[in-house]
C-alpha atoms as a PDB file:
ATOM      1  CA  UNK A   1      -9.372   2.814  23.307  1.00  0.00           C
ATOM      2  CA  UNK A   2     -11.689   3.096  20.129  1.00  0.00           C
ATOM      3  CA  UNK A   3      -8.599   1.782  17.992  1.00  0.00           C
ATOM      4  CA  UNK A   4      -9.120  -1.241  19.398  1.00  0.00           C
ATOM      5  CA  UNK A   5     -13.026  -1.192  19.359  1.00  0.00           C
ATOM      6  CA  UNK A   6     -12.450  -0.468  15.912  1.00  0.00           C
ATOM      7  CA  UNK A   7     -10.103  -3.068  14.881  1.00  0.00           C
ATOM      8  CA  UNK A   8     -11.987  -5.658  16.757  1.00  0.00           C
ATOM      9  CA  UNK A   9     -14.709  -4.630  15.517  1.00  0.00           C
ATOM     10  CA  UNK A  10     -13.278  -5.341  11.864  1.00  0.00           C
ATOM     11  CA  UNK A  11     -11.279  -8.534  12.374  1.00  0.00           C
ATOM     12  CA  UNK A  12     -14.220  -9.651  13.549  1.00  0.00           C
ATOM     13  CA  UNK A  13     -15.820  -9.095  10.113  1.00  0.00           C
ATOM     14  CA  UNK A  14     -13.393 -10.417   8.191  1.00  0.00           C
ATOM     15  CA  UNK A  15     -13.877 -14.166  10.163  1.00  0.00           C
ATOM     16  CA  UNK A  16     -17.307 -13.916   9.648  1.00  0.00           C
ATOM     17  CA  UNK A  17     -16.964 -13.313   5.883  1.00  0.00           C
ATOM     18  CA  UNK A  18     -14.309 -15.807   5.948  1.00  0.00           C
ATOM     19  CA  UNK A  19     -16.901 -18.613   7.856  1.00  0.00           C
ATOM     20  CA  UNK A  20     -19.327 -17.880   5.737  1.00  0.00           C
ATOM     21  CA  UNK A  21     -16.655 -18.824   2.457  1.00  0.00           C
ATOM     22  CA  UNK A  22     -17.357 -15.885   0.044  1.00  0.00           C
ATOM     23  CA  UNK A  23     -14.967 -15.585  -2.719  1.00  0.00           C
ATOM     24  CA  UNK A  24     -11.157 -13.870  -2.077  1.00  0.00           C
ATOM     25  CA  UNK A  25     -12.003 -10.554  -4.409  1.00  0.00           C
ATOM     26  CA  UNK A  26     -14.915  -9.448  -2.171  1.00  0.00           C
ATOM     27  CA  UNK A  27     -12.917 -10.484   1.261  1.00  0.00           C
ATOM     28  CA  UNK A  28      -9.919  -7.845  -0.235  1.00  0.00           C
ATOM     29  CA  UNK A  29     -12.417  -5.486  -1.518  1.00  0.00           C
ATOM     30  CA  UNK A  30     -14.326  -5.271   1.824  1.00  0.00           C
ATOM     31  CA  UNK A  31     -11.020  -5.169   3.761  1.00  0.00           C
ATOM     32  CA  UNK A  32      -9.371  -1.944   2.359  1.00  0.00           C
ATOM     33  CA  UNK A  33     -12.956  -0.481   2.561  1.00  0.00           C
ATOM     34  CA  UNK A  34     -12.365  -0.893   6.291  1.00  0.00           C
ATOM     35  CA  UNK A  35      -8.745  -0.181   6.294  1.00  0.00           C
ATOM     36  CA  UNK A  36      -9.822   2.973   4.184  1.00  0.00           C
ATOM     37  CA  UNK A  37     -12.575   4.175   6.553  1.00  0.00           C
ATOM     38  CA  UNK A  38     -10.735   3.154   9.592  1.00  0.00           C
ATOM     39  CA  UNK A  39      -7.727   5.713   8.511  1.00  0.00           C
ATOM     40  CA  UNK A  40     -10.942   8.474   7.657  1.00  0.00           C
ATOM     41  CA  UNK A  41     -11.325   8.601  11.116  1.00  0.00           C
ATOM     42  CA  UNK A  42      -7.770   7.934  12.611  1.00  0.00           C
ATOM     43  CA  UNK A  43      -7.488  11.693  10.578  1.00  0.00           C
ATOM     44  CA  UNK A  44     -11.215  13.553  11.100  1.00  0.00           C
ATOM     45  CA  UNK A  45      -9.374  12.635  14.862  1.00  0.00           C
ATOM     46  CA  UNK A  46      -6.228  13.256  14.246  1.00  0.00           C
ATOM     47  CA  UNK A  47      -7.366  16.990  12.599  1.00  0.00           C
ATOM     48  CA  UNK A  48      -9.626  17.815  15.531  1.00  0.00           C
ATOM     49  CA  UNK A  49     -12.781  16.806  13.233  1.00  0.00           C
ATOM     50  CA  UNK A  50     -16.030  16.395  15.422  1.00  0.00           C
ATOM     51  CA  UNK A  51     -16.573  13.497  14.636  1.00  0.00           C
ATOM     52  CA  UNK A  52     -18.216  11.432  18.149  1.00  0.00           C
ATOM     53  CA  UNK A  53     -16.012   8.373  18.294  1.00  0.00           C
ATOM     54  CA  UNK A  54     -18.884   6.005  19.801  1.00  0.00           C
ATOM     55  CA  UNK A  55     -18.912   2.446  19.200  1.00  0.00           C
ATOM     56  CA  UNK A  56     -21.396   2.032  17.187  1.00  0.00           C
ATOM     57  CA  UNK A  57     -19.431   4.870  14.628  1.00  0.00           C
ATOM     58  CA  UNK A  58     -16.640   2.568  14.609  1.00  0.00           C
ATOM     59  CA  UNK A  59     -18.639  -0.393  14.358  1.00  0.00           C
ATOM     60  CA  UNK A  60     -20.346   1.016  11.059  1.00  0.00           C
ATOM     61  CA  UNK A  61     -17.271   2.583   9.795  1.00  0.00           C
ATOM     62  CA  UNK A  62     -15.728  -0.229   9.986  1.00  0.00           C
ATOM     63  CA  UNK A  63     -18.451  -2.818   8.440  1.00  0.00           C
ATOM     64  CA  UNK A  64     -19.350  -0.038   5.888  1.00  0.00           C
ATOM     65  CA  UNK A  65     -16.066   1.480   5.191  1.00  0.00           C
ATOM     66  CA  UNK A  66     -16.329   4.981   3.539  1.00  0.00           C
ATOM     67  CA  UNK A  67     -20.460   4.960   3.265  1.00  0.00           C
ATOM     68  CA  UNK A  68     -20.081   4.198   7.007  1.00  0.00           C
ATOM     69  CA  UNK A  69     -17.635   6.871   7.791  1.00  0.00           C
ATOM     70  CA  UNK A  70     -20.438   9.367   5.474  1.00  0.00           C
ATOM     71  CA  UNK A  71     -22.731   8.622   7.262  1.00  0.00           C
ATOM     72  CA  UNK A  72     -21.297   8.740  10.975  1.00  0.00           C
ATOM     73  CA  UNK A  73     -19.641  12.307   9.984  1.00  0.00           C
ATOM     74  CA  UNK A  74     -23.351  13.088   8.461  1.00  0.00           C
ATOM     75  CA  UNK A  75     -25.185  11.414  12.453  1.00  0.00           C
ATOM     76  CA  UNK A  76     -21.882  13.887  14.256  1.00  0.00           C
ATOM     77  CA  UNK A  77     -23.386  17.268  11.929  1.00  0.00           C
ATOM     78  CA  UNK A  78     -26.830  16.586  12.871  1.00  0.00           C
ATOM     79  CA  UNK A  79     -26.659  15.443  16.641  1.00  0.00           C
END
């Protein structure tokens, strides 16, 4: 279920960016950032590292990518 939420959030971000006509280079950069953040979330989930996967952590990682992953990790550690 978390994967579906991540994919939908990532697609929504890319569609919004496309609508706003951002330069292609920036869209690709954000897309790569989203992909790396998703891979990090999946890797931590597979390894059993306790990141709480709620809709807001998935959305945060999908929107911010790697920085969002580390923010979600810090929030999880603090909670």
